[in-house]
Amino acid sequence: MGQRRGVRPIRVAIVGPESSGKSTLAEELARSLRAEGWSAAWVQEYSRAYYAHRPYVSELADIEAIAIGQLAEEERAAREAAILLCDTTALTCKIWAEVAHGAASAALLALYRPKDYDLTLLACPDIPWQPDPLRSHPTQRDWLLELHRQELARQGIDAVELSGGRESRLARARQALLPLLLA
C-alpha cells in the first residue's frame, strides 16, 4: 500500500451544495486512508482561507481568485501525496458565479477542468443545515444539488452520489475509490 504506480496522484473531487458534508467527508476519508498507509491529502476549501482576513464579498474577481487558489493548493498537495481529496473544485466557483452573478467569466471557465479528476463524489444535502458565515442558501440546497447534477452530466462526469449518515457516505466513497487504488 502507500504509493501508487506512476507519478500522477489520484484526484478525487468532492462537490455539492453548501452544508452537504463535503469537508467532513474529505477529512475523514483522508484520515482513514492514511491509517491504512496511503499517502492521502485533504485539499481544503480555499474560500475559507481567502475570506479568513477579509470581508465576505462575492464579486467575480473574488470567485476567480478563489478558483486560482483552490487549484494552486491542489498542485501543492499533488507534489506530496498519492491521493488528493479535493474539498470542492472550480465547479463550485462556476456554479457560485452563475447563481450570484448570472454567469461565470471567461477567466473562471478557463480554470474549470472537471475531467482533471479521476473520481467525482457528489454530496447530497440530506443532512441538517449548519450555519456558517460563508453559506447563504439554507432553503435552496436541493436546487443547488440539481445545478451540480446538470453540470456534471453536461460534462459527461459520472459522479457517485453520497447520501445518508457519515458512516454510509464514507463507506460509499471508499467503495468508489477502491478500483483506483488497485489500478
N, C-alpha and C. Protein backbone atom coordinates (compact mmCIF):
# COMPACT_ATOMS: atom_id res chain seq x y z
N MET A 1 0.84 -1.18 0.00
CA MET A 1 0.00 0.00 0.00
C MET A 1 0.87 1.23 0.00
N GLY A 2 0.30 2.38 0.28
CA GLY A 2 1.04 3.62 0.40
C GLY A 2 1.07 4.40 -0.88
N GLN A 3 1.96 4.06 -1.77
CA GLN A 3 2.11 4.81 -3.01
C GLN A 3 1.54 4.02 -4.17
N ARG A 4 1.02 4.72 -5.15
CA ARG A 4 0.53 4.10 -6.37
C ARG A 4 1.65 4.09 -7.39
N ARG A 5 1.46 3.24 -8.40
CA ARG A 5 2.38 3.27 -9.53
C ARG A 5 2.16 4.57 -10.28
N GLY A 6 3.20 5.03 -10.96
CA GLY A 6 3.07 6.25 -11.75
C GLY A 6 3.33 7.48 -10.93
N VAL A 7 3.26 8.61 -11.60
CA VAL A 7 3.62 9.87 -10.97
C VAL A 7 2.39 10.68 -10.56
N ARG A 8 1.37 10.65 -11.37
CA ARG A 8 0.19 11.48 -11.14
C ARG A 8 -0.64 10.93 -9.99
N PRO A 9 -0.99 11.78 -9.03
CA PRO A 9 -1.82 11.29 -7.93
C PRO A 9 -3.27 11.08 -8.39
N ILE A 10 -3.98 10.28 -7.63
CA ILE A 10 -5.42 10.13 -7.83
C ILE A 10 -6.07 11.41 -7.31
N ARG A 11 -6.88 12.03 -8.15
CA ARG A 11 -7.58 13.26 -7.76
C ARG A 11 -9.05 12.95 -7.59
N VAL A 12 -9.55 13.23 -6.39
CA VAL A 12 -10.96 12.99 -6.08
C VAL A 12 -11.61 14.35 -5.82
N ALA A 13 -12.60 14.69 -6.65
CA ALA A 13 -13.38 15.91 -6.46
C ALA A 13 -14.55 15.59 -5.54
N ILE A 14 -14.69 16.38 -4.49
CA ILE A 14 -15.83 16.23 -3.59
C ILE A 14 -16.63 17.52 -3.70
N VAL A 15 -17.76 17.44 -4.37
CA VAL A 15 -18.55 18.63 -4.69
C VAL A 15 -19.98 18.45 -4.18
N GLY A 16 -20.71 19.55 -4.22
CA GLY A 16 -22.10 19.53 -3.81
C GLY A 16 -22.50 20.85 -3.20
N PRO A 17 -23.76 20.99 -2.85
CA PRO A 17 -24.25 22.24 -2.26
C PRO A 17 -23.57 22.54 -0.93
N GLU A 18 -23.71 23.77 -0.51
CA GLU A 18 -23.17 24.16 0.80
C GLU A 18 -23.83 23.34 1.90
N SER A 19 -23.07 23.05 2.93
CA SER A 19 -23.54 22.30 4.09
C SER A 19 -24.09 20.92 3.70
N SER A 20 -23.33 20.23 2.85
CA SER A 20 -23.74 18.87 2.45
C SER A 20 -22.72 17.82 2.90
N GLY A 21 -21.79 18.20 3.77
CA GLY A 21 -20.87 17.24 4.35
C GLY A 21 -19.56 17.02 3.60
N LYS A 22 -19.22 17.91 2.67
CA LYS A 22 -18.01 17.73 1.86
C LYS A 22 -16.74 17.75 2.71
N SER A 23 -16.61 18.75 3.55
CA SER A 23 -15.39 18.89 4.36
C SER A 23 -15.25 17.74 5.34
N THR A 24 -16.33 17.37 5.97
CA THR A 24 -16.30 16.24 6.91
C THR A 24 -15.86 14.97 6.20
N LEU A 25 -16.45 14.72 5.04
CA LEU A 25 -16.09 13.53 4.28
C LEU A 25 -14.62 13.56 3.86
N ALA A 26 -14.17 14.67 3.33
CA ALA A 26 -12.78 14.78 2.87
C ALA A 26 -11.80 14.52 4.01
N GLU A 27 -12.06 15.12 5.15
CA GLU A 27 -11.18 14.95 6.31
C GLU A 27 -11.20 13.50 6.80
N GLU A 28 -12.39 12.91 6.93
CA GLU A 28 -12.49 11.54 7.43
C GLU A 28 -11.90 10.54 6.44
N LEU A 29 -12.12 10.75 5.16
CA LEU A 29 -11.57 9.85 4.15
C LEU A 29 -10.05 9.94 4.13
N ALA A 30 -9.50 11.13 4.24
CA ALA A 30 -8.04 11.28 4.28
C ALA A 30 -7.48 10.57 5.51
N ARG A 31 -8.11 10.76 6.66
CA ARG A 31 -7.64 10.13 7.89
C ARG A 31 -7.69 8.60 7.76
N SER A 32 -8.78 8.09 7.21
CA SER A 32 -8.95 6.65 7.04
C SER A 32 -7.90 6.07 6.10
N LEU A 33 -7.66 6.73 4.99
CA LEU A 33 -6.66 6.25 4.03
C LEU A 33 -5.25 6.30 4.62
N ARG A 34 -4.94 7.37 5.32
CA ARG A 34 -3.61 7.47 5.95
C ARG A 34 -3.41 6.39 7.00
N ALA A 35 -4.48 6.05 7.73
CA ALA A 35 -4.39 4.99 8.73
C ALA A 35 -4.06 3.65 8.10
N GLU A 36 -4.40 3.49 6.83
CA GLU A 36 -4.09 2.26 6.09
C GLU A 36 -2.76 2.33 5.36
N GLY A 37 -2.05 3.43 5.53
CA GLY A 37 -0.73 3.56 4.93
C GLY A 37 -0.68 4.28 3.60
N TRP A 38 -1.81 4.80 3.13
CA TRP A 38 -1.83 5.55 1.88
C TRP A 38 -1.35 6.98 2.12
N SER A 39 -0.71 7.54 1.15
CA SER A 39 -0.32 8.95 1.19
C SER A 39 -1.48 9.77 0.64
N ALA A 40 -2.31 10.27 1.55
CA ALA A 40 -3.53 10.98 1.16
C ALA A 40 -3.52 12.39 1.75
N ALA A 41 -3.95 13.35 0.94
CA ALA A 41 -4.02 14.74 1.39
C ALA A 41 -5.44 15.26 1.22
N TRP A 42 -5.90 15.99 2.21
CA TRP A 42 -7.17 16.69 2.16
C TRP A 42 -6.87 18.11 1.70
N VAL A 43 -7.30 18.45 0.49
CA VAL A 43 -7.13 19.80 -0.04
C VAL A 43 -8.36 20.58 0.39
N GLN A 44 -8.17 21.42 1.40
CA GLN A 44 -9.31 22.12 2.00
C GLN A 44 -9.90 23.17 1.06
N GLU A 45 -11.14 23.50 1.33
CA GLU A 45 -11.86 24.51 0.55
C GLU A 45 -11.13 25.85 0.68
N TYR A 46 -10.59 26.35 -0.42
CA TYR A 46 -9.75 27.54 -0.39
C TYR A 46 -10.52 28.81 -0.01
N SER A 47 -11.81 28.85 -0.24
CA SER A 47 -12.56 30.07 0.09
C SER A 47 -12.45 30.40 1.57
N ARG A 48 -12.28 29.41 2.42
CA ARG A 48 -12.14 29.67 3.86
C ARG A 48 -10.86 30.45 4.15
N ALA A 49 -9.76 30.04 3.54
CA ALA A 49 -8.51 30.77 3.71
C ALA A 49 -8.61 32.16 3.07
N TYR A 50 -9.23 32.23 1.93
CA TYR A 50 -9.36 33.50 1.20
C TYR A 50 -10.10 34.54 2.04
N TYR A 51 -11.19 34.13 2.67
CA TYR A 51 -12.00 35.07 3.44
C TYR A 51 -11.62 35.13 4.92
N ALA A 52 -10.59 34.46 5.32
CA ALA A 52 -10.20 34.47 6.73
C ALA A 52 -9.83 35.85 7.23
N HIS A 53 -9.26 36.69 6.37
CA HIS A 53 -8.77 38.00 6.81
C HIS A 53 -9.33 39.14 5.96
N ARG A 54 -10.50 38.93 5.38
CA ARG A 54 -11.14 39.98 4.59
C ARG A 54 -12.64 39.78 4.68
N PRO A 55 -13.38 40.83 4.42
CA PRO A 55 -14.84 40.68 4.48
C PRO A 55 -15.34 39.79 3.35
N TYR A 56 -16.42 39.09 3.64
CA TYR A 56 -17.02 38.22 2.64
C TYR A 56 -17.72 39.08 1.60
N VAL A 57 -17.19 39.06 0.39
CA VAL A 57 -17.77 39.77 -0.75
C VAL A 57 -17.78 38.79 -1.90
N SER A 58 -18.89 38.76 -2.62
CA SER A 58 -18.99 37.83 -3.74
C SER A 58 -18.93 38.59 -5.05
N GLU A 59 -17.75 39.01 -5.42
CA GLU A 59 -17.51 39.63 -6.72
C GLU A 59 -16.89 38.58 -7.63
N LEU A 60 -17.08 38.71 -8.93
CA LEU A 60 -16.49 37.74 -9.85
C LEU A 60 -14.98 37.64 -9.67
N ALA A 61 -14.32 38.76 -9.41
CA ALA A 61 -12.87 38.74 -9.20
C ALA A 61 -12.50 37.89 -7.99
N ASP A 62 -13.31 37.95 -6.94
CA ASP A 62 -13.06 37.13 -5.76
C ASP A 62 -13.25 35.64 -6.09
N ILE A 63 -14.30 35.33 -6.82
CA ILE A 63 -14.56 33.93 -7.17
C ILE A 63 -13.43 33.39 -8.06
N GLU A 64 -12.95 34.20 -8.99
CA GLU A 64 -11.82 33.80 -9.83
C GLU A 64 -10.58 33.55 -8.98
N ALA A 65 -10.31 34.46 -8.03
CA ALA A 65 -9.14 34.31 -7.15
C ALA A 65 -9.26 33.04 -6.31
N ILE A 66 -10.45 32.72 -5.88
CA ILE A 66 -10.66 31.50 -5.09
C ILE A 66 -10.41 30.27 -5.95
N ALA A 67 -10.88 30.27 -7.18
CA ALA A 67 -10.62 29.13 -8.07
C ALA A 67 -9.12 28.97 -8.31
N ILE A 68 -8.42 30.06 -8.53
CA ILE A 68 -6.96 30.01 -8.72
C ILE A 68 -6.29 29.45 -7.47
N GLY A 69 -6.71 29.93 -6.30
CA GLY A 69 -6.14 29.45 -5.05
C GLY A 69 -6.44 27.98 -4.81
N GLN A 70 -7.65 27.55 -5.14
CA GLN A 70 -8.02 26.14 -4.97
C GLN A 70 -7.12 25.25 -5.82
N LEU A 71 -6.95 25.63 -7.08
CA LEU A 71 -6.11 24.84 -8.00
C LEU A 71 -4.64 24.86 -7.55
N ALA A 72 -4.17 25.99 -7.04
CA ALA A 72 -2.79 26.07 -6.55
C ALA A 72 -2.58 25.14 -5.36
N GLU A 73 -3.58 25.08 -4.47
CA GLU A 73 -3.48 24.18 -3.32
C GLU A 73 -3.48 22.72 -3.78
N GLU A 74 -4.27 22.41 -4.79
CA GLU A 74 -4.27 21.05 -5.33
C GLU A 74 -2.89 20.71 -5.90
N GLU A 75 -2.30 21.62 -6.63
CA GLU A 75 -0.97 21.37 -7.22
C GLU A 75 0.09 21.21 -6.15
N ARG A 76 0.01 22.03 -5.10
CA ARG A 76 0.95 21.90 -3.99
C ARG A 76 0.83 20.52 -3.35
N ALA A 77 -0.39 20.11 -3.07
CA ALA A 77 -0.62 18.81 -2.43
C ALA A 77 -0.23 17.66 -3.35
N ALA A 78 -0.36 17.85 -4.65
CA ALA A 78 -0.03 16.79 -5.62
C ALA A 78 1.44 16.42 -5.59
N ARG A 79 2.28 17.32 -5.13
CA ARG A 79 3.72 17.03 -5.03
C ARG A 79 4.03 16.14 -3.82
N GLU A 80 3.07 16.03 -2.90
CA GLU A 80 3.34 15.35 -1.64
C GLU A 80 2.50 14.10 -1.39
N ALA A 81 1.44 13.90 -2.15
CA ALA A 81 0.51 12.81 -1.83
C ALA A 81 0.15 12.01 -3.07
N ALA A 82 -0.19 10.76 -2.86
CA ALA A 82 -0.63 9.88 -3.94
C ALA A 82 -2.13 10.00 -4.19
N ILE A 83 -2.86 10.50 -3.20
CA ILE A 83 -4.31 10.65 -3.32
C ILE A 83 -4.68 12.05 -2.83
N LEU A 84 -5.36 12.82 -3.68
CA LEU A 84 -5.83 14.15 -3.32
C LEU A 84 -7.34 14.10 -3.15
N LEU A 85 -7.80 14.51 -2.00
CA LEU A 85 -9.23 14.60 -1.72
C LEU A 85 -9.57 16.09 -1.71
N CYS A 86 -10.13 16.55 -2.82
CA CYS A 86 -10.33 17.97 -3.06
C CYS A 86 -11.70 18.41 -2.57
N ASP A 87 -11.70 19.14 -1.46
CA ASP A 87 -12.91 19.64 -0.83
C ASP A 87 -13.39 20.84 -1.65
N THR A 88 -14.21 20.56 -2.61
CA THR A 88 -14.74 21.46 -3.64
C THR A 88 -13.69 21.62 -4.75
N THR A 89 -14.15 22.15 -5.87
CA THR A 89 -13.29 22.37 -7.04
C THR A 89 -13.76 23.66 -7.72
N ALA A 90 -13.19 23.94 -8.86
CA ALA A 90 -13.63 25.11 -9.63
C ALA A 90 -15.09 24.98 -10.07
N LEU A 91 -15.65 23.76 -10.05
CA LEU A 91 -17.08 23.60 -10.33
C LEU A 91 -17.91 24.42 -9.35
N THR A 92 -17.54 24.38 -8.09
CA THR A 92 -18.25 25.17 -7.08
C THR A 92 -18.18 26.65 -7.43
N CYS A 93 -17.01 27.11 -7.86
CA CYS A 93 -16.85 28.51 -8.23
C CYS A 93 -17.71 28.86 -9.44
N LYS A 94 -17.77 27.96 -10.41
CA LYS A 94 -18.58 28.19 -11.61
C LYS A 94 -20.05 28.35 -11.22
N ILE A 95 -20.55 27.42 -10.42
CA ILE A 95 -21.95 27.48 -10.01
C ILE A 95 -22.20 28.71 -9.14
N TRP A 96 -21.28 29.03 -8.26
CA TRP A 96 -21.38 30.21 -7.40
C TRP A 96 -21.49 31.47 -8.26
N ALA A 97 -20.65 31.59 -9.28
CA ALA A 97 -20.69 32.75 -10.16
C ALA A 97 -22.01 32.83 -10.92
N GLU A 98 -22.49 31.69 -11.38
CA GLU A 98 -23.76 31.68 -12.12
C GLU A 98 -24.94 32.07 -11.22
N VAL A 99 -24.95 31.56 -9.99
CA VAL A 99 -26.04 31.86 -9.06
C VAL A 99 -25.97 33.31 -8.60
N ALA A 100 -24.80 33.78 -8.25
CA ALA A 100 -24.66 35.12 -7.68
C ALA A 100 -24.59 36.22 -8.73
N HIS A 101 -24.06 35.91 -9.91
CA HIS A 101 -23.80 36.96 -10.90
C HIS A 101 -24.39 36.68 -12.28
N GLY A 102 -25.11 35.59 -12.42
CA GLY A 102 -25.77 35.29 -13.68
C GLY A 102 -24.95 34.50 -14.67
N ALA A 103 -23.63 34.51 -14.52
CA ALA A 103 -22.75 33.78 -15.45
C ALA A 103 -21.34 33.72 -14.86
N ALA A 104 -20.61 32.74 -15.32
CA ALA A 104 -19.18 32.64 -14.96
C ALA A 104 -18.38 33.40 -16.02
N SER A 105 -17.33 34.03 -15.59
CA SER A 105 -16.47 34.78 -16.52
C SER A 105 -15.66 33.82 -17.39
N ALA A 106 -15.13 34.34 -18.47
CA ALA A 106 -14.26 33.53 -19.34
C ALA A 106 -13.04 33.05 -18.56
N ALA A 107 -12.51 33.91 -17.71
CA ALA A 107 -11.33 33.53 -16.91
C ALA A 107 -11.66 32.37 -15.98
N LEU A 108 -12.82 32.40 -15.38
CA LEU A 108 -13.23 31.32 -14.48
C LEU A 108 -13.49 30.03 -15.27
N LEU A 109 -14.13 30.14 -16.39
CA LEU A 109 -14.38 28.96 -17.22
C LEU A 109 -13.08 28.30 -17.68
N ALA A 110 -12.04 29.10 -17.90
CA ALA A 110 -10.74 28.54 -18.29
C ALA A 110 -10.11 27.73 -17.16
N LEU A 111 -10.48 28.06 -15.93
CA LEU A 111 -9.95 27.33 -14.76
C LEU A 111 -10.75 26.07 -14.45
N TYR A 112 -11.92 25.98 -14.99
CA TYR A 112 -12.84 24.87 -14.72
C TYR A 112 -12.48 23.70 -15.63
N ARG A 113 -11.87 22.67 -15.02
CA ARG A 113 -11.43 21.49 -15.76
C ARG A 113 -11.94 20.23 -15.05
N PRO A 114 -13.23 19.91 -15.23
CA PRO A 114 -13.82 18.79 -14.48
C PRO A 114 -13.22 17.44 -14.81
N LYS A 115 -12.60 17.30 -15.96
CA LYS A 115 -12.04 16.00 -16.34
C LYS A 115 -10.66 15.76 -15.73
N ASP A 116 -10.16 16.73 -14.96
CA ASP A 116 -8.88 16.56 -14.28
C ASP A 116 -8.98 15.58 -13.11
N TYR A 117 -10.20 15.23 -12.72
CA TYR A 117 -10.41 14.39 -11.54
C TYR A 117 -10.71 12.96 -11.97
N ASP A 118 -10.12 12.03 -11.25
CA ASP A 118 -10.31 10.60 -11.53
C ASP A 118 -11.64 10.09 -11.00
N LEU A 119 -12.16 10.77 -9.99
CA LEU A 119 -13.40 10.38 -9.35
C LEU A 119 -14.08 11.65 -8.86
N THR A 120 -15.38 11.75 -9.08
CA THR A 120 -16.16 12.87 -8.55
C THR A 120 -17.22 12.31 -7.62
N LEU A 121 -17.19 12.80 -6.39
CA LEU A 121 -18.18 12.44 -5.37
C LEU A 121 -19.11 13.64 -5.20
N LEU A 122 -20.40 13.41 -5.32
CA LEU A 122 -21.40 14.46 -5.18
C LEU A 122 -22.15 14.27 -3.87
N ALA A 123 -21.91 15.19 -2.94
CA ALA A 123 -22.55 15.11 -1.62
C ALA A 123 -23.96 15.68 -1.68
N CYS A 124 -24.91 14.90 -1.23
CA CYS A 124 -26.31 15.31 -1.22
C CYS A 124 -26.62 16.05 0.08
N PRO A 125 -27.51 17.03 0.03
CA PRO A 125 -27.82 17.82 1.22
C PRO A 125 -28.93 17.22 2.09
N ASP A 126 -28.80 15.94 2.39
CA ASP A 126 -29.82 15.28 3.21
C ASP A 126 -29.39 15.21 4.68
N ILE A 127 -28.52 16.11 5.06
CA ILE A 127 -28.08 16.23 6.46
C ILE A 127 -28.51 17.61 6.95
N PRO A 128 -28.55 17.81 8.26
CA PRO A 128 -29.01 19.11 8.77
C PRO A 128 -28.09 20.26 8.32
N TRP A 129 -28.71 21.38 8.03
CA TRP A 129 -28.01 22.62 7.69
C TRP A 129 -27.17 23.07 8.88
N GLN A 130 -25.94 23.47 8.61
CA GLN A 130 -25.06 24.02 9.63
C GLN A 130 -24.76 25.47 9.25
N PRO A 131 -25.20 26.42 10.05
CA PRO A 131 -24.94 27.84 9.73
C PRO A 131 -23.43 28.12 9.67
N ASP A 132 -23.08 29.03 8.80
CA ASP A 132 -21.68 29.38 8.59
C ASP A 132 -21.66 30.73 7.87
N PRO A 133 -20.71 31.61 8.18
CA PRO A 133 -20.69 32.93 7.53
C PRO A 133 -20.52 32.88 6.01
N LEU A 134 -20.00 31.79 5.46
CA LEU A 134 -19.81 31.69 4.01
C LEU A 134 -20.96 30.96 3.32
N ARG A 135 -22.00 30.64 4.05
CA ARG A 135 -23.14 29.93 3.47
C ARG A 135 -24.35 30.86 3.43
N SER A 136 -25.11 30.76 2.33
CA SER A 136 -26.21 31.72 2.19
C SER A 136 -27.49 31.14 1.59
N HIS A 137 -27.57 29.83 1.40
CA HIS A 137 -28.74 29.24 0.74
C HIS A 137 -29.32 28.06 1.53
N PRO A 138 -29.75 28.29 2.77
CA PRO A 138 -30.20 27.16 3.59
C PRO A 138 -31.44 26.44 3.04
N THR A 139 -32.27 27.13 2.30
CA THR A 139 -33.50 26.52 1.79
C THR A 139 -33.40 26.15 0.30
N GLN A 140 -32.23 26.36 -0.29
CA GLN A 140 -32.07 26.10 -1.72
C GLN A 140 -31.05 25.01 -2.02
N ARG A 141 -30.77 24.19 -1.05
CA ARG A 141 -29.74 23.17 -1.25
C ARG A 141 -30.15 22.12 -2.28
N ASP A 142 -31.41 21.75 -2.33
CA ASP A 142 -31.85 20.78 -3.35
C ASP A 142 -31.72 21.37 -4.75
N TRP A 143 -32.04 22.64 -4.90
CA TRP A 143 -31.88 23.32 -6.18
C TRP A 143 -30.40 23.37 -6.57
N LEU A 144 -29.54 23.69 -5.61
CA LEU A 144 -28.09 23.71 -5.88
C LEU A 144 -27.57 22.32 -6.24
N LEU A 145 -28.09 21.30 -5.58
CA LEU A 145 -27.71 19.93 -5.92
C LEU A 145 -28.06 19.64 -7.38
N GLU A 146 -29.24 20.06 -7.79
CA GLU A 146 -29.65 19.82 -9.17
C GLU A 146 -28.76 20.57 -10.16
N LEU A 147 -28.32 21.77 -9.81
CA LEU A 147 -27.38 22.51 -10.66
C LEU A 147 -26.07 21.72 -10.81
N HIS A 148 -25.60 21.14 -9.72
CA HIS A 148 -24.40 20.30 -9.78
C HIS A 148 -24.63 19.09 -10.68
N ARG A 149 -25.74 18.40 -10.47
CA ARG A 149 -26.05 17.23 -11.30
C ARG A 149 -26.10 17.59 -12.79
N GLN A 150 -26.76 18.68 -13.11
CA GLN A 150 -26.90 19.08 -14.51
C GLN A 150 -25.53 19.40 -15.12
N GLU A 151 -24.71 20.12 -14.39
CA GLU A 151 -23.40 20.49 -14.93
C GLU A 151 -22.50 19.27 -15.08
N LEU A 152 -22.51 18.40 -14.11
CA LEU A 152 -21.69 17.18 -14.21
C LEU A 152 -22.16 16.33 -15.39
N ALA A 153 -23.46 16.20 -15.57
CA ALA A 153 -23.99 15.43 -16.70
C ALA A 153 -23.59 16.10 -18.02
N ARG A 154 -23.66 17.42 -18.07
CA ARG A 154 -23.28 18.15 -19.29
C ARG A 154 -21.82 17.90 -19.65
N GLN A 155 -21.00 17.71 -18.64
CA GLN A 155 -19.57 17.47 -18.84
C GLN A 155 -19.25 15.99 -19.05
N GLY A 156 -20.26 15.12 -18.94
CA GLY A 156 -20.03 13.69 -19.10
C GLY A 156 -19.37 13.05 -17.89
N ILE A 157 -19.53 13.66 -16.73
CA ILE A 157 -18.94 13.16 -15.49
C ILE A 157 -19.98 12.29 -14.78
N ASP A 158 -19.61 11.04 -14.55
CA ASP A 158 -20.49 10.11 -13.85
C ASP A 158 -20.16 10.17 -12.36
N ALA A 159 -20.76 11.12 -11.69
CA ALA A 159 -20.48 11.33 -10.27
C ALA A 159 -21.14 10.25 -9.42
N VAL A 160 -20.48 9.92 -8.33
CA VAL A 160 -21.02 9.00 -7.34
C VAL A 160 -21.70 9.84 -6.27
N GLU A 161 -23.01 9.67 -6.14
CA GLU A 161 -23.76 10.45 -5.16
C GLU A 161 -23.65 9.82 -3.78
N LEU A 162 -23.46 10.68 -2.80
CA LEU A 162 -23.32 10.24 -1.41
C LEU A 162 -24.45 10.85 -0.60
N SER A 163 -25.14 10.00 0.13
CA SER A 163 -26.23 10.47 0.99
C SER A 163 -26.21 9.65 2.27
N GLY A 164 -27.07 10.04 3.19
CA GLY A 164 -27.16 9.32 4.45
C GLY A 164 -26.17 9.86 5.48
N GLY A 165 -25.96 9.07 6.51
CA GLY A 165 -25.08 9.46 7.60
C GLY A 165 -23.61 9.37 7.24
N ARG A 166 -22.78 9.79 8.16
CA ARG A 166 -21.34 9.85 7.93
C ARG A 166 -20.75 8.50 7.56
N GLU A 167 -21.15 7.46 8.27
CA GLU A 167 -20.59 6.14 8.01
C GLU A 167 -20.93 5.63 6.61
N SER A 168 -22.19 5.82 6.21
CA SER A 168 -22.58 5.34 4.88
C SER A 168 -21.92 6.16 3.77
N ARG A 169 -21.74 7.44 3.98
CA ARG A 169 -21.05 8.28 3.00
C ARG A 169 -19.59 7.84 2.86
N LEU A 170 -18.96 7.63 3.98
CA LEU A 170 -17.56 7.23 3.96
C LEU A 170 -17.41 5.86 3.29
N ALA A 171 -18.28 4.92 3.62
CA ALA A 171 -18.21 3.59 3.02
C ALA A 171 -18.43 3.65 1.51
N ARG A 172 -19.40 4.43 1.07
CA ARG A 172 -19.68 4.57 -0.36
C ARG A 172 -18.51 5.23 -1.08
N ALA A 173 -17.91 6.24 -0.47
CA ALA A 173 -16.75 6.91 -1.07
C ALA A 173 -15.57 5.95 -1.18
N ARG A 174 -15.33 5.18 -0.15
CA ARG A 174 -14.23 4.20 -0.17
C ARG A 174 -14.48 3.15 -1.25
N GLN A 175 -15.71 2.70 -1.37
CA GLN A 175 -16.07 1.71 -2.39
C GLN A 175 -15.81 2.27 -3.79
N ALA A 176 -16.15 3.52 -4.02
CA ALA A 176 -15.93 4.14 -5.33
C ALA A 176 -14.45 4.36 -5.61
N LEU A 177 -13.68 4.61 -4.57
CA LEU A 177 -12.24 4.88 -4.72
C LEU A 177 -11.42 3.60 -4.89
N LEU A 178 -11.90 2.50 -4.37
CA LEU A 178 -11.13 1.26 -4.35
C LEU A 178 -10.56 0.83 -5.72
N PRO A 179 -11.34 0.85 -6.80
CA PRO A 179 -10.76 0.46 -8.10
C PRO A 179 -9.58 1.32 -8.51
N LEU A 180 -9.60 2.59 -8.15
CA LEU A 180 -8.49 3.48 -8.48
C LEU A 180 -7.25 3.16 -7.65
N LEU A 181 -7.47 2.75 -6.42
CA LEU A 181 -6.35 2.40 -5.54
C LEU A 181 -5.67 1.12 -6.02
N LEU A 182 -6.44 0.23 -6.59
CA LEU A 182 -5.91 -1.05 -7.00
C LEU A 182 -5.34 -1.04 -8.43
N ALA A 183 -5.53 0.06 -9.13
CA ALA A 183 -5.06 0.16 -10.53
C ALA A 183 -3.54 0.21 -10.61
